[in-house]
Every structure is written in C-alpha cells, then in structure tokens.
Amino acid sequence: MKVLYIVRGLSGSGKTTLAHQLSPVVHSADDWFTDEDVGNYDFNPDPSELGNAHYTCQMSVESGMQEQKQKIAVANTFSQAWEAEPYFKLAQKYGYSPFVVECQNTFKNVHGVPQETIEAMRERWEQLQ
C-alpha cells in the first residue's frame, strides 16, 4: 500500500520530527528556506518566496509519487483545508492513501515564528477531510 502522510500542526508542534518517524521520505515548505549544506534555516515571509516554497514542496511530493515511493510524508502547518487540497489530489492521481496526522504538542519553536503568528494560525484552524 502506498501512503501519503499529511502531517499538520502549529509551529513547534513536532510535525517534522513525527514525519521522519513515519517515513524515510519527508518534504516540507520549510525545505525551501533551509541551506542543505549546513542546515541553517532562514525564513523569508515575502509572499513570492512562500509561494515558491509550497510549489516546490508539492513538486517534490509528486516526484516521490512518480518514483513509486511506498511512504511519503509532507509536514506543513496546513491550518486551512485549501492548503492540503493539492496533496489529496496528488494522492488520488497516483493511487496513494492519504493519512492526516495532526500534531497538537507544544515543543520548542526552532524556526523562531512569533507567538502572534502562531495565534493567528490557531484562530484560522480548520478541520481537514
């Protein structure tokens, strides 16, 4: 069975850590802002950068599906349903079973997201399918 884990939660909830426990193949919009050579994370809130980050994440997930990876995890906030919809469509297109995993923990916020931003995400939180 081919599985797509859609791991969602607020910043600091443990999404990426859990995603790596679920699958050897993990993608995230945060990858766009991370220097792979040294692991430094440098977030840029510019809307075009965010768009590029999410587009690249979706394309990486699709590439893994085209390669027939058995388990793929995507770890993003997904605070609103429309943000996860492209992944449900990819799962259907490539015959993957989507599993939504919601992290509700509060760990260290390693990306330095301001608390007011996290609260705004919490206020617009929607249930997924």
Protein backbone atom coordinates (compact mmCIF):
# COMPACT_ATOMS: atom_id res chain seq x y z
CA MET A 1 0.00 0.00 0.00
CA LYS A 2 1.29 3.45 -0.93
CA VAL A 3 0.79 6.03 1.82
CA LEU A 4 0.93 9.82 1.94
CA TYR A 5 1.13 11.16 5.48
CA ILE A 6 -0.14 14.74 5.68
CA VAL A 7 1.36 15.95 8.94
CA ARG A 8 -0.12 19.22 10.18
CA GLY A 9 0.12 21.41 13.25
CA LEU A 10 1.16 24.78 14.57
CA SER A 11 4.80 25.84 14.65
CA GLY A 12 6.66 23.94 17.32
CA SER A 13 4.17 21.06 17.50
CA GLY A 14 6.61 18.39 16.30
CA LYS A 15 5.47 17.98 12.68
CA THR A 16 8.86 17.38 11.11
CA THR A 17 10.08 15.13 13.91
CA LEU A 18 6.97 12.95 13.61
CA ALA A 19 7.10 12.94 9.81
CA HIS A 20 10.62 11.48 9.97
CA GLN A 21 9.31 8.72 12.26
CA LEU A 22 6.54 7.88 9.79
CA SER A 23 8.52 7.86 6.55
CA PRO A 24 12.06 7.94 5.19
CA VAL A 25 10.81 10.41 2.56
CA VAL A 26 9.81 13.76 4.09
CA HIS A 27 9.02 17.04 2.35
CA SER A 28 8.15 20.44 3.79
CA ALA A 29 7.82 24.02 2.60
CA ASP A 30 10.50 24.77 5.21
CA ASP A 31 12.97 22.90 2.99
CA TRP A 32 12.93 25.94 0.68
CA PHE A 33 14.35 28.11 3.46
CA THR A 34 16.95 25.61 4.68
CA ASP A 35 20.54 25.53 3.46
CA GLU A 36 21.08 21.78 2.96
CA ASP A 37 24.86 22.04 3.30
CA VAL A 38 24.88 23.49 6.80
CA GLY A 39 21.25 23.11 7.90
CA ASN A 40 20.65 26.82 8.54
CA TYR A 41 17.02 27.93 8.38
CA ASP A 42 16.41 31.46 7.05
CA PHE A 43 12.70 32.16 6.64
CA ASN A 44 11.64 34.87 4.19
CA PRO A 45 7.96 35.90 4.62
CA ASP A 46 7.80 37.50 1.15
CA PRO A 47 4.63 36.11 -0.50
CA SER A 48 6.51 35.08 -3.65
CA GLU A 49 9.01 33.13 -1.54
CA LEU A 50 6.19 31.40 0.33
CA GLY A 51 4.53 30.53 -2.96
CA ASN A 52 7.80 29.10 -4.29
CA ALA A 53 8.30 27.11 -1.08
CA HIS A 54 4.86 25.49 -1.27
CA TYR A 55 5.06 24.88 -5.02
CA THR A 56 8.47 23.21 -4.65
CA CYS A 57 7.15 21.08 -1.79
CA GLN A 58 4.21 19.90 -3.91
CA MET A 59 6.51 19.11 -6.84
CA SER A 60 8.85 17.14 -4.55
CA VAL A 61 5.94 15.09 -3.24
CA GLU A 62 4.73 14.43 -6.78
CA SER A 63 8.23 13.38 -7.84
CA GLY A 64 8.33 10.85 -5.00
CA MET A 65 4.97 9.51 -6.11
CA GLN A 66 6.18 9.18 -9.68
CA GLU A 67 9.14 7.18 -8.31
CA GLN A 68 6.62 4.94 -6.52
CA LYS A 69 7.98 5.61 -3.02
CA GLN A 70 5.88 3.49 -0.65
CA LYS A 71 5.65 6.05 2.15
CA ILE A 72 5.86 9.82 1.76
CA ALA A 73 5.28 12.39 4.47
CA VAL A 74 4.61 16.07 3.95
CA ALA A 75 4.90 18.26 7.04
CA ASN A 76 3.43 21.75 6.83
CA THR A 77 1.16 23.83 9.01
CA PHE A 78 -1.94 23.20 6.83
CA SER A 79 -4.03 25.48 9.04
CA GLN A 80 -6.71 25.75 6.35
CA ALA A 81 -8.20 22.99 4.24
CA TRP A 82 -7.30 24.55 0.88
CA GLU A 83 -3.60 24.30 1.78
CA ALA A 84 -3.78 20.49 1.93
CA GLU A 85 -6.09 20.04 -1.07
CA PRO A 86 -3.27 19.73 -3.67
CA TYR A 87 -1.84 16.81 -1.69
CA PHE A 88 -5.17 15.00 -1.59
CA LYS A 89 -5.39 15.44 -5.36
CA LEU A 90 -1.86 14.08 -5.83
CA ALA A 91 -2.70 11.09 -3.63
CA GLN A 92 -5.74 10.32 -5.74
CA LYS A 93 -3.85 10.80 -9.02
CA TYR A 94 -1.05 8.42 -8.05
CA GLY A 95 -3.03 5.89 -6.01
CA TYR A 96 -1.81 6.84 -2.52
CA SER A 97 -3.87 6.52 0.64
CA PRO A 98 -3.76 9.87 2.46
CA PHE A 99 -3.49 9.84 6.24
CA VAL A 100 -3.88 13.14 8.09
CA VAL A 101 -1.86 13.33 11.28
CA GLU A 102 -2.42 16.37 13.48
CA CYS A 103 0.28 17.36 15.95
CA GLN A 104 -1.10 19.13 19.00
CA ASN A 105 2.03 19.23 21.12
CA THR A 106 3.98 22.31 22.15
CA PHE A 107 7.71 21.90 21.81
CA LYS A 108 10.46 24.41 21.19
CA ASN A 109 9.70 26.64 18.22
CA VAL A 110 13.00 26.07 16.36
CA HIS A 111 12.13 28.40 13.48
CA GLY A 112 11.51 31.49 15.58
CA VAL A 113 7.92 32.03 14.48
CA PRO A 114 6.49 34.93 16.51
CA GLN A 115 3.83 33.95 19.05
CA GLU A 116 1.29 36.33 17.45
CA THR A 117 1.73 34.49 14.13
CA ILE A 118 1.12 31.15 15.83
CA GLU A 119 -2.01 32.56 17.49
CA ALA A 120 -3.28 33.81 14.12
CA MET A 121 -2.80 30.29 12.71
CA ARG A 122 -4.69 28.84 15.68
CA GLU A 123 -7.61 31.24 15.06
CA ARG A 124 -7.99 30.25 11.40
CA TRP A 125 -7.56 26.49 12.03
CA GLU A 126 -9.89 24.28 10.00
CA GLN A 127 -10.54 20.55 10.04
CA LEU A 128 -9.36 18.55 7.05
CA GLN A 129 -11.42 15.89 5.32
